[in-house]
Protein backbone atom coordinates (compact mmCIF):
# COMPACT_ATOMS: atom_id res chain seq x y z
CA MET A 1 312.88 -47.95 -42.08
CA ALA A 2 313.76 -51.21 -41.08
CA ASP A 3 317.51 -50.71 -39.37
CA LEU A 4 316.06 -46.99 -37.41
CA ARG A 5 313.22 -49.21 -36.28
CA GLN A 6 315.75 -52.13 -35.09
CA GLN A 7 317.34 -49.28 -33.42
CA LEU A 8 314.20 -47.79 -31.76
CA LEU A 9 314.20 -51.07 -30.49
CA GLU A 10 317.80 -51.83 -29.17
CA GLU A 11 316.88 -48.48 -27.19
CA ILE A 12 313.85 -49.96 -25.73
CA GLN A 13 314.92 -52.40 -24.29
CA GLN A 14 317.69 -51.07 -23.15
CA ARG A 15 316.41 -47.51 -21.65
CA ALA A 16 313.17 -48.06 -20.80
CA PHE A 17 312.08 -51.44 -19.17
CA HIS A 18 311.99 -51.03 -15.50
CA PHE A 19 311.54 -55.05 -14.04
CA GLY A 20 309.87 -55.12 -9.87
CA THR A 21 306.34 -54.70 -9.20
CA TYR A 22 304.69 -51.79 -10.72
CA VAL A 23 301.12 -50.46 -10.92
CA LEU A 24 300.26 -49.06 -14.23
CA SER A 25 297.80 -45.98 -15.32
CA SER A 26 294.82 -48.40 -15.91
CA GLY A 27 295.34 -50.04 -12.45
CA VAL A 28 296.07 -53.10 -13.17
CA THR A 29 299.71 -54.18 -11.72
CA ARG A 30 302.44 -55.69 -13.61
CA ASP A 31 305.98 -57.20 -12.84
CA TYR A 32 307.43 -54.99 -15.71
CA TYR A 33 307.72 -50.76 -16.17
CA ILE A 34 307.82 -49.65 -19.48
CA ASP A 35 309.39 -45.68 -19.29
CA CYS A 36 309.76 -44.97 -23.07
CA ARG A 37 310.05 -41.45 -21.89
CA LEU A 38 313.49 -42.31 -20.98
CA VAL A 39 314.12 -42.92 -24.69
CA THR A 40 311.89 -40.18 -26.03
CA LEU A 41 313.55 -37.35 -24.25
CA SER A 42 317.20 -39.19 -25.11
CA ALA A 43 318.82 -37.05 -28.17
CA ARG A 44 319.39 -40.36 -29.99
CA GLY A 45 315.68 -41.49 -28.84
CA ALA A 46 313.80 -38.84 -29.93
CA TRP A 47 315.69 -38.90 -33.43
CA LEU A 48 315.34 -42.24 -33.67
CA THR A 49 311.54 -42.19 -32.21
CA GLY A 50 310.09 -39.13 -34.67
CA ASN A 51 311.92 -41.32 -37.85
CA VAL A 52 309.90 -44.43 -37.19
CA VAL A 53 306.72 -42.60 -36.31
CA LEU A 54 307.01 -40.23 -39.45
CA ASP A 55 307.49 -43.68 -41.44
CA THR A 56 304.47 -45.22 -39.79
CA LEU A 57 302.15 -42.31 -40.72
CA ALA A 58 303.64 -42.96 -44.53
CA GLY A 59 300.74 -42.44 -47.13
CA LEU A 60 298.28 -40.26 -44.56
CA GLU A 61 297.94 -36.83 -44.71
CA ILE A 62 298.08 -35.34 -41.55
CA ASP A 63 298.39 -32.04 -40.68
CA ALA A 64 299.48 -32.38 -36.58
CA VAL A 65 300.42 -34.94 -34.34
CA GLY A 66 300.10 -35.19 -30.37
CA GLY A 67 298.56 -36.65 -27.52
CA LEU A 68 297.94 -36.66 -23.96
CA THR A 69 300.50 -34.92 -21.75
CA LEU A 70 302.97 -35.95 -21.37
CA ALA A 71 303.92 -39.33 -22.69
CA ALA A 72 303.15 -37.68 -26.37
CA ASP A 73 304.82 -34.51 -25.67
CA PRO A 74 308.22 -35.67 -26.72
CA ILE A 75 307.19 -37.83 -29.28
CA ALA A 76 305.06 -35.56 -31.07
CA ALA A 77 307.65 -32.85 -31.03
CA ALA A 78 310.66 -34.99 -32.65
CA VAL A 79 308.04 -36.20 -35.48
CA ALA A 80 307.39 -32.26 -36.21
CA VAL A 81 311.37 -31.77 -36.08
CA VAL A 82 311.74 -34.93 -38.58
CA SER A 83 309.21 -33.96 -40.28
CA HIS A 84 310.25 -30.87 -40.99
CA ASP A 85 313.57 -32.08 -42.37
CA ARG A 86 312.16 -34.06 -44.49
CA SER A 87 310.37 -31.57 -46.18
CA ARG A 88 306.03 -33.20 -45.09
CA PRO A 89 305.64 -30.81 -42.18
CA MET A 90 303.78 -31.70 -39.31
CA ASN A 91 302.88 -29.77 -36.65
CA ALA A 92 302.58 -30.89 -32.78
CA PHE A 93 300.02 -30.53 -30.25
CA ILE A 94 299.32 -31.12 -27.02
CA VAL A 95 296.21 -32.56 -24.84
CA ARG A 96 295.74 -31.68 -21.37
CA LYS A 97 293.59 -33.91 -19.17
CA GLU A 98 291.56 -31.28 -18.71
CA ALA A 99 290.99 -27.56 -19.71
CA LYS A 100 292.55 -24.69 -18.02
CA GLY A 101 291.22 -22.62 -15.66
CA HIS A 102 292.57 -19.37 -16.42
CA GLY A 103 294.33 -17.68 -20.12
CA LEU A 104 292.28 -18.69 -23.08
CA GLN A 105 290.82 -22.02 -21.10
CA ARG A 106 292.36 -24.08 -23.38
CA GLN A 107 292.72 -28.53 -23.33
CA VAL A 108 294.45 -28.71 -26.83
CA GLU A 109 297.50 -26.52 -27.11
CA GLY A 110 299.34 -25.54 -30.00
CA PRO A 111 298.74 -25.20 -34.01
CA ILE A 112 295.16 -27.17 -34.36
CA ARG A 113 292.73 -25.95 -36.11
CA ALA A 114 289.13 -27.14 -36.83
CA GLY A 115 289.68 -29.35 -40.44
CA ASP A 116 292.82 -30.79 -39.30
CA ARG A 117 293.61 -33.92 -39.47
CA VAL A 118 295.58 -35.20 -37.18
CA ALA A 119 297.21 -38.62 -35.34
CA ILE A 120 297.29 -39.38 -32.26
CA VAL A 121 300.44 -40.84 -30.40
CA ASP A 122 301.10 -42.23 -26.87
CA ASP A 123 303.89 -44.16 -25.53
CA VAL A 124 302.49 -47.62 -24.42
CA LEU A 125 298.89 -48.66 -25.20
CA THR A 126 297.27 -51.30 -22.60
CA SER A 127 293.82 -49.47 -21.67
CA GLY A 128 293.66 -46.73 -24.44
CA ARG A 129 292.06 -44.05 -22.10
CA SER A 130 294.62 -42.09 -22.53
CA VAL A 131 294.73 -42.11 -26.95
CA LEU A 132 290.77 -42.60 -26.44
CA GLN A 133 290.52 -38.86 -24.30
CA ALA A 134 293.12 -37.15 -26.60
CA ALA A 135 290.51 -38.70 -29.69
CA GLU A 136 287.46 -36.59 -28.17
CA ALA A 137 289.97 -33.52 -27.16
CA VAL A 138 290.75 -32.69 -30.70
CA GLU A 139 287.97 -33.91 -32.32
CA SER A 140 285.83 -31.02 -30.04
CA VAL A 141 287.79 -28.68 -31.89
CA GLY A 142 286.91 -29.62 -35.01
CA ALA A 143 289.96 -32.08 -35.93
CA THR A 144 289.73 -35.49 -37.48
CA VAL A 145 291.92 -38.51 -36.25
CA VAL A 146 293.10 -40.04 -39.17
CA ALA A 147 295.34 -42.70 -37.59
CA VAL A 148 296.86 -43.71 -34.00
CA SER A 149 300.40 -44.34 -33.19
CA VAL A 150 302.24 -45.61 -30.25
CA LEU A 151 305.34 -46.86 -29.37
CA ILE A 152 304.53 -50.52 -27.92
CA ASP A 153 301.14 -51.77 -28.04
CA ARG A 154 300.29 -54.39 -24.54
CA CYS A 155 297.87 -56.20 -27.17
CA GLU A 156 295.39 -55.47 -24.81
CA GLU A 157 291.67 -54.06 -24.21
CA GLY A 158 292.73 -50.53 -25.28
CA SER A 159 293.94 -52.60 -28.97
CA SER A 160 290.05 -52.87 -29.32
CA ARG A 161 289.16 -49.86 -27.89
CA VAL A 162 290.84 -47.36 -30.51
CA ARG A 163 289.84 -49.71 -33.48
CA GLU A 164 286.23 -49.84 -32.18
CA ARG A 165 286.07 -46.50 -32.37
CA GLY A 166 287.33 -46.83 -36.29
CA TYR A 167 290.97 -45.67 -35.92
CA ASP A 168 293.66 -46.71 -37.73
CA LEU A 169 295.61 -48.27 -35.23
CA ARG A 170 299.55 -48.07 -36.23
CA PRO A 171 302.19 -49.21 -33.52
CA ILE A 172 305.29 -49.02 -34.13
CA PHE A 173 305.65 -52.10 -31.42
CA THR A 174 303.11 -55.01 -29.77
CA ILE A 175 304.72 -56.87 -26.51
CA GLU A 176 304.88 -59.64 -29.11
CA ASP A 177 308.54 -58.19 -30.41
CA VAL A 178 309.82 -57.35 -27.01
CA GLN A 179 308.39 -60.77 -25.04
CA ALA A 180 311.48 -62.76 -25.47
CA PHE A 181 313.58 -59.71 -23.80
CA ILE A 182 311.07 -59.41 -21.21
CA ASP A 183 311.12 -63.44 -20.17
CA ALA A 184 314.44 -63.51 -20.69
CA HIS A 185 314.83 -60.74 -17.59
CA ARG A 186 312.43 -62.37 -16.11
CA GLY A 187 314.97 -65.55 -16.13
CA LYS A 188 312.57 -67.50 -18.47
């Protein structure tokens, strides 16, 4: 896993970082933006993501993996495909920001049922709002959140919020893992 994890880190550093002034979904302004979709939606990045996230969830009994659309979608799909190849099948699910107003009017889409043990995934954890919204939605359909796995934990209030809710937070990387890379691009 160490080699795949290192390869994923390199993909994130090469593809996902943008430097400038950006407002994050939490409303906070940063001098860099991490767009992990450029990794998780690429063929190599999806394969690496699926393998590394699945390894991070090792030892847990999990039926399904997913999170708030859009960042979690490619992560969940990658984990589902890799889990099947490894004979540890986990279904993927998608959590909408709000329930549909037509059709089956679901907020949680995919093969997830009451009683399922699930992992919530996301790309970057800052405020924790997306992760907690997804957790609340899957709990409302009777599933149990077993773990939360994010590609990068900024180690801000989101980490505390997730842990305060009693969830097992399993980040792939923390901001410390990429801080030297960020500083080098800032000219420090």
